[in-house]
N, C-alpha and C. Protein backbone atom coordinates (compact mmCIF):
# COMPACT_ATOMS: atom_id res chain seq x y z
N MET A 1 -27.51 -13.15 3.80
CA MET A 1 -26.10 -14.09 2.58
C MET A 1 -25.11 -12.92 2.59
N ALA A 2 -23.82 -13.31 2.72
CA ALA A 2 -22.98 -12.62 2.17
C ALA A 2 -22.49 -12.44 0.68
N ALA A 3 -22.22 -11.18 0.55
CA ALA A 3 -21.84 -10.76 -0.82
C ALA A 3 -20.48 -11.69 -1.13
N ALA A 4 -20.87 -11.79 -2.70
CA ALA A 4 -19.80 -12.84 -3.33
C ALA A 4 -18.53 -12.16 -3.31
N SER A 5 -17.18 -12.95 -3.29
CA SER A 5 -15.87 -11.78 -3.18
C SER A 5 -15.65 -11.88 -4.66
N ALA A 6 -14.56 -10.80 -4.70
CA ALA A 6 -14.09 -10.55 -6.27
C ALA A 6 -13.23 -11.87 -6.55
N ALA A 7 -12.82 -12.56 -5.83
CA ALA A 7 -12.07 -13.95 -5.82
C ALA A 7 -12.87 -15.23 -6.43
N GLU A 8 -14.17 -15.09 -6.00
CA GLU A 8 -15.11 -16.35 -6.47
C GLU A 8 -15.01 -16.61 -7.63
N PRO A 9 -14.96 -15.81 -8.97
CA PRO A 9 -14.89 -16.43 -10.29
C PRO A 9 -13.80 -17.50 -10.44
N LEU A 10 -12.50 -16.85 -10.06
CA LEU A 10 -11.26 -17.54 -10.17
C LEU A 10 -11.16 -18.79 -9.56
N MET A 11 -11.33 -18.56 -8.27
CA MET A 11 -11.58 -19.78 -7.38
C MET A 11 -12.53 -20.95 -7.44
N ASN A 12 -13.74 -20.50 -7.73
CA ASN A 12 -14.77 -21.81 -7.69
C ASN A 12 -15.68 -21.75 -9.16
N GLY A 13 -15.48 -20.89 -10.08
CA GLY A 13 -16.11 -21.00 -11.41
C GLY A 13 -15.90 -22.46 -12.12
N PRO A 14 -17.18 -22.66 -12.67
CA PRO A 14 -16.88 -23.95 -13.45
C PRO A 14 -16.23 -23.73 -14.68
N ALA A 15 -15.97 -22.62 -15.44
CA ALA A 15 -15.08 -22.48 -16.33
C ALA A 15 -13.77 -22.51 -16.64
N VAL A 16 -13.25 -22.29 -15.28
CA VAL A 16 -11.58 -22.18 -14.92
C VAL A 16 -11.09 -23.43 -15.30
N PRO A 17 -9.93 -23.55 -16.22
CA PRO A 17 -9.41 -24.54 -16.84
C PRO A 17 -8.08 -24.77 -15.64
N TYR A 18 -8.49 -25.22 -14.64
CA TYR A 18 -7.41 -26.00 -13.53
C TYR A 18 -6.41 -27.01 -14.02
N ALA A 19 -5.13 -26.81 -13.88
CA ALA A 19 -4.15 -27.82 -14.36
C ALA A 19 -4.00 -29.03 -13.63
N GLY A 20 -4.10 -29.92 -14.25
CA GLY A 20 -4.17 -31.48 -13.68
C GLY A 20 -2.69 -31.97 -13.29
N ILE A 21 -2.70 -32.94 -12.54
CA ILE A 21 -1.30 -33.32 -12.01
C ILE A 21 -0.41 -34.13 -12.71
N ALA A 22 -0.79 -34.42 -14.07
CA ALA A 22 0.44 -34.93 -14.65
C ALA A 22 0.86 -33.96 -15.56
N THR A 23 0.36 -32.63 -15.94
CA THR A 23 0.87 -31.44 -16.70
C THR A 23 1.43 -30.83 -15.75
N ARG A 24 1.35 -30.44 -14.45
CA ARG A 24 1.95 -30.07 -13.25
C ARG A 24 3.38 -30.82 -13.06
N ALA A 25 3.37 -32.32 -12.95
CA ALA A 25 4.37 -33.15 -12.54
C ALA A 25 5.50 -32.74 -13.74
N ILE A 26 4.93 -32.62 -15.03
CA ILE A 26 6.06 -32.67 -16.22
C ILE A 26 6.77 -31.25 -15.89
N ALA A 27 5.88 -30.04 -15.87
CA ALA A 27 6.39 -28.86 -15.74
C ALA A 27 7.44 -28.99 -14.40
N LEU A 28 7.24 -29.51 -13.04
CA LEU A 28 7.92 -29.26 -12.13
C LEU A 28 9.28 -30.33 -12.35
N ALA A 29 9.40 -31.47 -13.18
CA ALA A 29 10.22 -32.24 -13.44
C ALA A 29 11.29 -31.36 -14.16
N ILE A 30 10.75 -30.49 -15.28
CA ILE A 30 11.45 -29.50 -16.02
C ILE A 30 12.19 -28.60 -15.12
N ASP A 31 11.26 -27.88 -14.40
CA ASP A 31 12.05 -26.93 -13.40
C ASP A 31 13.06 -27.36 -12.50
N VAL A 32 12.81 -28.80 -12.24
CA VAL A 32 13.89 -29.33 -11.35
C VAL A 32 15.28 -29.38 -11.83
N ALA A 33 15.05 -29.98 -13.16
CA ALA A 33 16.26 -30.17 -14.13
C ALA A 33 17.12 -28.74 -14.33
N ILE A 34 16.18 -28.10 -14.68
CA ILE A 34 17.00 -26.62 -14.87
C ILE A 34 17.70 -26.10 -13.72
N ALA A 35 17.08 -26.19 -12.70
CA ALA A 35 17.63 -25.50 -11.37
C ALA A 35 18.58 -26.62 -10.98
N GLN A 36 18.63 -27.69 -11.19
CA GLN A 36 19.98 -28.50 -11.03
C GLN A 36 21.07 -28.36 -11.95
N LEU A 37 20.64 -27.84 -12.97
CA LEU A 37 21.66 -27.60 -14.04
C LEU A 37 22.41 -26.07 -13.68
N VAL A 38 21.68 -25.49 -13.09
CA VAL A 38 22.10 -24.23 -12.39
C VAL A 38 23.13 -24.59 -11.35
N VAL A 39 22.68 -25.38 -10.54
CA VAL A 39 23.48 -25.79 -9.44
C VAL A 39 24.78 -26.29 -9.57
N LEU A 40 24.53 -27.28 -10.52
CA LEU A 40 25.81 -27.87 -10.99
C LEU A 40 26.95 -27.29 -11.88
N SER A 41 26.21 -26.23 -12.55
CA SER A 41 27.36 -25.31 -13.31
C SER A 41 27.95 -24.41 -12.28
N GLY A 42 27.32 -23.90 -11.20
CA GLY A 42 27.83 -23.19 -10.18
C GLY A 42 28.61 -23.80 -9.45
N GLY A 43 28.51 -25.19 -8.98
CA GLY A 43 29.33 -25.89 -8.11
C GLY A 43 30.74 -26.33 -9.01
N ALA A 44 30.48 -26.05 -10.35
CA ALA A 44 31.62 -27.07 -11.11
C ALA A 44 32.63 -25.63 -11.40
N ILE A 45 32.12 -24.51 -11.57
CA ILE A 45 32.77 -23.36 -11.59
C ILE A 45 33.47 -22.97 -10.36
N LEU A 46 33.08 -23.02 -9.27
CA LEU A 46 33.58 -22.99 -7.80
C LEU A 46 34.44 -24.01 -7.70
N ALA A 47 34.36 -25.31 -8.25
CA ALA A 47 35.63 -26.47 -8.01
C ALA A 47 36.62 -25.96 -8.97
N LEU A 48 36.23 -25.60 -10.16
CA LEU A 48 37.49 -25.27 -10.83
C LEU A 48 38.36 -24.24 -10.37
N VAL A 49 37.79 -23.05 -9.83
CA VAL A 49 38.60 -22.06 -9.30
C VAL A 49 39.27 -22.28 -8.20
N GLY A 50 38.46 -23.38 -6.98
CA GLY A 50 39.20 -23.75 -5.86
C GLY A 50 40.51 -24.79 -5.89
N SER A 51 40.12 -25.30 -7.38
CA SER A 51 41.25 -26.19 -7.63
C SER A 51 42.46 -25.61 -8.28
N LEU A 52 42.48 -24.49 -9.06
CA LEU A 52 43.65 -23.59 -9.22
C LEU A 52 44.10 -22.86 -7.99
N VAL A 53 43.44 -22.60 -7.06
CA VAL A 53 43.94 -22.25 -5.85
C VAL A 53 44.57 -22.82 -5.01
N THR A 54 43.99 -24.13 -4.61
CA THR A 54 44.40 -24.87 -3.60
C THR A 54 43.69 -26.24 -3.92
N ASP A 55 44.16 -27.18 -3.03
CA ASP A 55 43.61 -28.76 -2.99
C ASP A 55 42.03 -28.56 -2.43
N VAL A 56 40.93 -28.62 -2.91
CA VAL A 56 39.68 -28.52 -2.22
C VAL A 56 39.26 -29.75 -2.00
N ARG A 57 38.82 -30.08 -0.61
CA ARG A 57 38.40 -31.31 -0.18
C ARG A 57 37.06 -30.82 0.79
N LEU A 58 36.03 -31.45 0.52
CA LEU A 58 34.70 -31.07 1.28
C LEU A 58 34.86 -31.97 2.53
N ASP A 59 34.76 -31.35 3.78
CA ASP A 59 34.63 -31.92 5.05
C ASP A 59 33.10 -31.78 5.27
N THR A 60 32.78 -32.25 6.46
CA THR A 60 31.28 -32.09 6.71
C THR A 60 30.96 -30.82 6.79
N LEU A 61 31.48 -29.74 7.11
CA LEU A 61 31.02 -28.33 6.93
C LEU A 61 30.64 -27.78 5.28
N GLY A 62 31.77 -28.40 4.71
CA GLY A 62 31.97 -28.20 3.19
C GLY A 62 30.39 -28.77 2.68
N GLN A 63 30.03 -30.05 2.86
CA GLN A 63 28.96 -30.71 2.61
C GLN A 63 27.59 -29.73 2.97
N ILE A 64 27.69 -29.52 3.95
CA ILE A 64 26.51 -28.80 4.79
C ILE A 64 26.31 -27.53 4.05
N LEU A 65 27.56 -26.76 3.64
CA LEU A 65 27.30 -25.65 3.04
C LEU A 65 26.73 -25.74 1.43
N ALA A 66 27.36 -26.79 1.06
CA ALA A 66 27.05 -27.16 -0.42
C ALA A 66 25.28 -27.33 -0.41
N ALA A 67 24.82 -28.31 0.36
CA ALA A 67 23.64 -28.45 0.58
C ALA A 67 22.67 -27.45 0.81
N VAL A 68 23.38 -26.31 1.63
CA VAL A 68 22.38 -25.33 2.00
C VAL A 68 22.46 -24.48 0.62
N ALA A 69 23.48 -24.28 0.05
CA ALA A 69 23.50 -23.60 -1.45
C ALA A 69 22.69 -24.17 -2.28
N TRP A 70 22.54 -25.27 -2.27
CA TRP A 70 21.77 -25.96 -3.27
C TRP A 70 20.10 -25.70 -2.91
N VAL A 71 19.94 -25.80 -1.71
CA VAL A 71 18.46 -25.28 -1.36
C VAL A 71 18.30 -24.07 -1.79
N THR A 72 18.89 -23.21 -1.43
CA THR A 72 18.78 -21.92 -1.74
C THR A 72 18.60 -21.33 -2.90
N VAL A 73 19.49 -21.88 -3.89
CA VAL A 73 19.35 -21.59 -5.29
C VAL A 73 18.07 -22.10 -6.08
N ALA A 74 17.88 -23.51 -5.36
CA ALA A 74 16.65 -24.09 -6.27
C ALA A 74 15.28 -23.47 -5.60
N ALA A 75 15.21 -22.92 -4.34
CA ALA A 75 14.23 -22.17 -3.87
C ALA A 75 14.21 -20.61 -4.50
N SER A 76 15.07 -20.14 -4.80
CA SER A 76 15.19 -18.50 -5.46
C SER A 76 15.06 -19.05 -6.92
N TYR A 77 15.15 -20.28 -7.35
CA TYR A 77 14.71 -20.16 -8.95
C TYR A 77 13.08 -20.01 -8.77
N PHE A 78 12.54 -20.91 -8.07
CA PHE A 78 11.08 -20.92 -8.24
C PHE A 78 10.37 -19.84 -7.58
N VAL A 79 11.05 -19.04 -6.69
CA VAL A 79 10.29 -17.90 -5.73
C VAL A 79 10.69 -16.69 -6.98
N LEU A 80 11.64 -16.64 -7.58
CA LEU A 80 11.84 -15.53 -8.75
C LEU A 80 11.05 -15.63 -9.79
N PHE A 81 10.96 -16.74 -10.41
CA PHE A 81 9.87 -17.07 -11.37
C PHE A 81 8.31 -16.63 -11.17
N TRP A 82 8.05 -17.44 -9.88
CA TRP A 82 6.53 -17.16 -9.60
C TRP A 82 6.20 -15.79 -9.12
N SER A 83 6.97 -14.79 -8.41
CA SER A 83 6.90 -13.91 -8.16
C SER A 83 7.10 -12.50 -9.33
N THR A 84 7.63 -12.96 -10.21
CA THR A 84 8.06 -12.18 -11.35
C THR A 84 7.11 -12.07 -12.67
N ALA A 85 7.21 -13.59 -13.01
CA ALA A 85 6.29 -13.83 -14.45
C ALA A 85 5.03 -14.58 -13.95
N GLY A 86 4.88 -15.29 -12.75
CA GLY A 86 3.72 -16.32 -12.65
C GLY A 86 3.89 -17.47 -13.21
N GLN A 87 4.83 -17.70 -13.71
CA GLN A 87 5.25 -18.99 -14.37
C GLN A 87 6.89 -19.40 -14.47
N THR A 88 7.28 -20.55 -14.12
CA THR A 88 8.73 -20.93 -14.33
C THR A 88 8.84 -21.25 -15.59
N PRO A 89 10.01 -21.48 -16.12
CA PRO A 89 10.05 -22.08 -17.69
C PRO A 89 9.76 -23.46 -17.84
N GLY A 90 9.46 -24.35 -16.86
CA GLY A 90 8.94 -25.58 -17.05
C GLY A 90 7.29 -25.31 -17.17
N MET A 91 6.91 -24.43 -16.64
CA MET A 91 5.35 -24.14 -16.56
C MET A 91 4.88 -23.59 -17.75
N ARG A 92 5.80 -22.68 -18.42
CA ARG A 92 5.68 -22.12 -19.61
C ARG A 92 5.43 -22.81 -20.69
N LEU A 93 6.47 -23.86 -20.78
CA LEU A 93 6.86 -24.88 -21.67
C LEU A 93 5.10 -25.67 -21.65
N MET A 94 4.88 -25.87 -20.31
CA MET A 94 3.66 -26.76 -20.40
C MET A 94 2.24 -25.99 -20.48
N ALA A 95 2.59 -24.70 -20.57
CA ALA A 95 1.37 -23.74 -20.73
C ALA A 95 0.63 -23.42 -19.75
N LEU A 96 1.62 -23.40 -18.27
CA LEU A 96 0.70 -23.08 -17.33
C LEU A 96 1.04 -21.87 -16.36
N ARG A 97 0.02 -21.40 -15.54
CA ARG A 97 0.31 -20.25 -14.85
C ARG A 97 -0.14 -20.38 -13.24
N VAL A 98 0.61 -20.05 -12.45
CA VAL A 98 0.26 -19.80 -10.90
C VAL A 98 -0.47 -18.38 -10.85
N MET A 99 -1.69 -18.57 -9.91
CA MET A 99 -2.23 -17.45 -9.98
C MET A 99 -2.94 -17.55 -8.35
N THR A 100 -3.08 -16.10 -8.08
CA THR A 100 -3.65 -16.17 -6.56
C THR A 100 -5.60 -15.56 -6.90
N PRO A 101 -5.84 -15.42 -5.64
CA PRO A 101 -7.49 -15.69 -5.96
C PRO A 101 -7.80 -14.19 -6.47
N SER A 102 -6.80 -12.94 -6.55
CA SER A 102 -7.39 -12.14 -7.34
C SER A 102 -7.14 -12.00 -8.72
N GLY A 103 -6.46 -13.20 -9.23
CA GLY A 103 -6.28 -13.14 -10.46
C GLY A 103 -5.03 -12.73 -11.16
N THR A 104 -3.93 -12.54 -9.90
CA THR A 104 -2.71 -12.14 -10.38
C THR A 104 -1.82 -12.99 -10.22
N HIS A 105 -0.34 -13.14 -10.58
CA HIS A 105 0.57 -13.97 -10.17
C HIS A 105 1.04 -13.54 -8.69
N PRO A 106 1.30 -14.54 -7.95
CA PRO A 106 1.93 -14.57 -6.25
C PRO A 106 3.00 -13.45 -6.38
N GLY A 107 2.51 -12.70 -5.19
CA GLY A 107 4.02 -11.78 -5.19
C GLY A 107 4.87 -12.57 -4.43
N LEU A 108 5.76 -11.72 -3.81
CA LEU A 108 7.14 -12.21 -3.25
C LEU A 108 6.86 -13.25 -1.99
N ILE A 109 6.39 -12.48 -1.05
CA ILE A 109 6.10 -13.59 -0.04
C ILE A 109 4.97 -14.78 -0.24
N ARG A 110 3.91 -14.49 -0.78
CA ARG A 110 3.25 -15.64 -1.05
C ARG A 110 4.25 -16.89 -2.13
N SER A 111 4.87 -16.34 -2.69
CA SER A 111 5.82 -17.04 -3.40
C SER A 111 7.06 -18.07 -2.37
N ILE A 112 7.11 -17.29 -1.48
CA ILE A 112 8.02 -17.81 -0.40
C ILE A 112 7.21 -19.22 0.31
N VAL A 113 6.30 -18.50 0.61
CA VAL A 113 5.27 -19.61 1.15
C VAL A 113 4.85 -20.85 0.53
N ARG A 114 4.88 -20.49 -0.92
CA ARG A 114 4.44 -21.67 -1.72
C ARG A 114 5.65 -22.43 -1.63
N VAL A 115 6.94 -22.08 -2.16
CA VAL A 115 8.09 -22.75 -2.11
C VAL A 115 8.15 -23.55 -0.90
N VAL A 116 8.29 -23.28 0.35
CA VAL A 116 7.91 -23.79 1.61
C VAL A 116 7.08 -25.19 1.48
N GLY A 117 5.77 -24.55 0.96
CA GLY A 117 4.74 -25.55 0.83
C GLY A 117 5.22 -26.72 -0.11
N LEU A 118 5.91 -26.41 -1.22
CA LEU A 118 6.37 -27.10 -2.13
C LEU A 118 7.08 -28.11 -1.61
N GLY A 119 7.99 -27.74 -0.49
CA GLY A 119 8.76 -28.80 -0.12
C GLY A 119 8.50 -29.79 0.91
N LEU A 120 7.30 -29.00 1.76
CA LEU A 120 6.39 -29.90 2.49
C LEU A 120 5.80 -30.95 1.75
N ALA A 121 5.20 -30.45 0.30
CA ALA A 121 4.45 -31.55 -0.38
C ALA A 121 5.37 -32.69 -1.03
N ILE A 122 6.64 -32.39 -0.95
CA ILE A 122 7.57 -33.30 -1.76
C ILE A 122 7.94 -34.28 -0.53
N LEU A 123 8.28 -33.89 0.60
CA LEU A 123 9.04 -34.58 1.86
C LEU A 123 8.42 -36.05 2.12
N PRO A 124 6.84 -35.96 2.15
CA PRO A 124 6.34 -37.43 2.42
C PRO A 124 6.04 -37.97 1.07
N LEU A 125 7.32 -38.53 0.23
CA LEU A 125 7.03 -39.25 -0.88
C LEU A 125 5.95 -38.67 -1.80
N PHE A 126 6.20 -37.42 -2.04
CA PHE A 126 5.12 -36.49 -3.05
C PHE A 126 3.75 -36.65 -2.63
N ALA A 127 3.41 -37.06 -1.32
CA ALA A 127 2.07 -37.37 -1.00
C ALA A 127 1.24 -35.88 -0.95
N GLY A 128 2.13 -34.68 -0.82
CA GLY A 128 1.40 -33.56 -0.74
C GLY A 128 0.95 -33.22 -2.17
N PHE A 129 0.97 -33.61 -3.26
CA PHE A 129 0.42 -33.68 -4.51
C PHE A 129 -1.01 -34.26 -4.47
N LEU A 130 -0.84 -35.61 -4.01
CA LEU A 130 -2.17 -36.28 -4.02
C LEU A 130 -3.70 -35.43 -4.03
N PRO A 131 -3.73 -34.20 -2.91
CA PRO A 131 -4.88 -33.52 -3.40
C PRO A 131 -5.48 -32.92 -4.61
N VAL A 132 -4.46 -32.75 -5.58
CA VAL A 132 -4.54 -32.50 -6.97
C VAL A 132 -5.58 -33.26 -7.58
N LEU A 133 -5.81 -34.73 -6.99
CA LEU A 133 -6.69 -35.58 -7.62
C LEU A 133 -7.85 -35.68 -7.29
N VAL A 134 -8.46 -34.91 -6.21
CA VAL A 134 -9.53 -34.98 -5.39
C VAL A 134 -9.98 -33.56 -5.30
N ASP A 135 -9.36 -32.55 -5.42
CA ASP A 135 -9.92 -31.25 -5.05
C ASP A 135 -10.51 -30.45 -6.30
N ALA A 136 -11.53 -29.99 -6.18
CA ALA A 136 -12.41 -29.04 -7.18
C ALA A 136 -11.39 -28.45 -7.85
N ARG A 137 -10.44 -27.56 -7.18
CA ARG A 137 -9.62 -26.63 -8.05
C ARG A 137 -8.34 -27.06 -8.21
N ARG A 138 -8.09 -28.43 -8.25
CA ARG A 138 -6.99 -29.18 -8.28
C ARG A 138 -5.55 -28.50 -7.76
N ARG A 139 -5.80 -28.48 -6.41
CA ARG A 139 -4.64 -27.58 -5.56
C ARG A 139 -3.77 -28.73 -4.62
N GLY A 140 -2.69 -28.61 -4.86
CA GLY A 140 -1.76 -29.63 -3.85
C GLY A 140 -1.59 -28.86 -2.54
N LEU A 141 -0.71 -29.36 -1.60
CA LEU A 141 -0.60 -28.84 -0.57
C LEU A 141 0.07 -27.61 -0.47
N HIS A 142 0.90 -27.30 -1.23
CA HIS A 142 1.92 -26.21 -1.70
C HIS A 142 0.78 -24.88 -1.88
N ASP A 143 -0.33 -25.24 -2.87
CA ASP A 143 -1.32 -24.38 -3.37
C ASP A 143 -2.14 -23.92 -2.20
N MET A 144 -2.53 -24.93 -1.34
CA MET A 144 -3.36 -24.70 -0.15
C MET A 144 -3.07 -23.90 0.72
N ILE A 145 -1.66 -24.00 1.17
CA ILE A 145 -0.80 -23.28 2.06
C ILE A 145 -0.92 -21.61 1.54
N ALA A 146 -0.37 -21.69 0.26
CA ALA A 146 0.03 -20.17 -0.18
C ALA A 146 -1.43 -19.57 -0.84
N GLY A 147 -2.50 -20.26 -0.55
CA GLY A 147 -3.74 -19.86 -1.43
C GLY A 147 -3.58 -19.43 -2.98
N THR A 148 -3.11 -20.55 -3.82
CA THR A 148 -2.53 -20.11 -5.30
C THR A 148 -3.73 -21.39 -5.72
N VAL A 149 -3.72 -21.08 -6.85
CA VAL A 149 -4.12 -22.00 -7.99
C VAL A 149 -3.42 -22.31 -9.52
N VAL A 150 -3.32 -23.38 -10.21
CA VAL A 150 -2.54 -23.46 -11.33
C VAL A 150 -3.51 -23.68 -12.51
N LEU A 151 -3.31 -22.74 -13.37
CA LEU A 151 -4.26 -22.70 -14.49
C LEU A 151 -3.81 -22.98 -15.77
N TYR A 152 -4.37 -23.27 -16.86
CA TYR A 152 -3.69 -23.52 -17.99
C TYR A 152 -3.69 -21.96 -18.71
N ALA A 153 -2.38 -21.72 -19.11
CA ALA A 153 -2.28 -20.03 -19.54
C ALA A 153 -2.78 -19.85 -20.64
N GLY A 154 -3.35 -18.52 -20.84
CA GLY A 154 -3.65 -18.13 -21.83
C GLY A 154 -5.30 -18.38 -21.75
N ASN A 155 -6.01 -19.44 -20.78
CA ASN A 155 -7.44 -19.32 -20.36
C ASN A 155 -7.58 -18.39 -19.50
N GLU A 156 -6.80 -17.95 -18.58
CA GLU A 156 -7.27 -17.79 -17.25
C GLU A 156 -8.38 -16.33 -17.28
N PRO A 157 -8.87 -16.46 -16.34
CA PRO A 157 -9.84 -15.25 -16.45
C PRO A 157 -9.33 -13.85 -16.29
N PRO A 158 -9.94 -12.86 -16.44
CA PRO A 158 -9.15 -11.56 -16.14
C PRO A 158 -9.22 -11.33 -14.62
N PRO A 159 -7.90 -10.42 -14.58
CA PRO A 159 -8.23 -10.29 -12.58
C PRO A 159 -9.39 -9.27 -12.32
N ALA A 160 -9.94 -9.62 -11.20
CA ALA A 160 -11.01 -8.59 -10.86
C ALA A 160 -10.66 -7.18 -10.90
N PRO A 161 -11.74 -6.48 -11.16
CA PRO A 161 -11.45 -5.14 -11.27
C PRO A 161 -10.98 -4.47 -9.81
N GLU A 162 -10.40 -3.45 -9.90
CA GLU A 162 -10.09 -2.55 -8.76
C GLU A 162 -11.28 -2.19 -8.04
N PRO A 163 -11.61 -2.00 -6.85
CA PRO A 163 -12.71 -1.24 -6.29
C PRO A 163 -12.76 0.29 -6.48
N ALA A 164 -13.67 0.90 -6.76
CA ALA A 164 -13.71 2.29 -6.99
C ALA A 164 -13.21 2.88 -5.68
N ALA A 165 -12.13 4.32 -5.77
CA ALA A 165 -11.95 4.85 -4.53
C ALA A 165 -12.92 5.57 -4.22
N ALA A 166 -13.39 5.88 -2.82
CA ALA A 166 -14.21 6.88 -2.15
C ALA A 166 -13.46 8.15 -2.64
N PRO A 167 -14.44 9.13 -2.87
CA PRO A 167 -14.12 10.57 -3.19
C PRO A 167 -13.67 11.21 -1.76
N ALA A 168 -12.34 11.48 -1.81
CA ALA A 168 -11.86 12.64 -0.48
C ALA A 168 -13.06 13.50 -0.09
N LEU A 169 -12.80 13.86 1.12
CA LEU A 169 -13.88 14.92 1.43
C LEU A 169 -13.68 16.22 0.83
N GLY A 170 -12.72 16.87 0.14
CA GLY A 170 -12.49 17.74 -0.35
C GLY A 170 -12.73 17.70 -1.59
N ASP A 171 -13.47 16.75 -2.32
CA ASP A 171 -13.56 16.38 -3.56
C ASP A 171 -15.12 16.40 -3.97
N VAL A 172 -15.73 16.55 -2.80
CA VAL A 172 -17.30 16.35 -3.06
C VAL A 172 -17.98 18.01 -3.58
N GLN A 173 -18.22 17.98 -4.56
CA GLN A 173 -19.02 19.29 -5.19
C GLN A 173 -20.33 19.46 -4.60
N PRO A 174 -20.64 20.79 -4.25
CA PRO A 174 -21.87 21.08 -3.77
C PRO A 174 -22.76 20.95 -4.99
N SER A 175 -24.16 20.32 -4.62
CA SER A 175 -25.23 20.23 -5.59
C SER A 175 -25.95 21.68 -6.12
N GLY A 176 -25.61 22.56 -5.49
CA GLY A 176 -26.75 23.79 -5.56
C GLY A 176 -26.14 24.85 -6.21
C-alpha cells in the first residue's frame, strides 16, 4: 500500500470546511463588479484624455483592443490576488481562501491556469460550476484543472511540514 501524501489531509480530510456554491457565487459576483469598475474607470480616463486630444471613434480594431484590454485587466485582477494573498477582495468579504494541495495559496502559474479554467467554467452558461454541487471537495471545473480547493478562511488546516533535508555528504560525523 502506498504511503499517504502530505496533501491528503487538506484534499480528503472530513474536517476541512470546503466552501459551497452560494458563498463562492457571491464572492465571484463581488470580484467581477470590482474588476468591472477598474476597467470602466480606466476606460473613462482614456476616453477623457482622448477626447481632449482628438475626436475618438472606436472602429472594429478599437473595439477588439478594448475587449482584449477588458479580458487582460479582469484576468490580471484574479491572478494577482490569488497568487499573492490566496484570496480576492470578494473572497475576503465572504471569508474564503483558495488553497493548493500543500496548504498554501496558489502561485503565479497555478493562478493563471485557474483563471483560464474559470473562463472555461463560465462559457457554457456557468455549467463549469455545477461540479461544486456533487464533488466531495466542492471543486468547480477551474479548481479541478488547477488542482485547488476553496475553503472557509480561518478554518484551513496548517500547511504540511517541509520534509527534512538529507544531510550533505560532508556533514556526516564519524561515530567513533
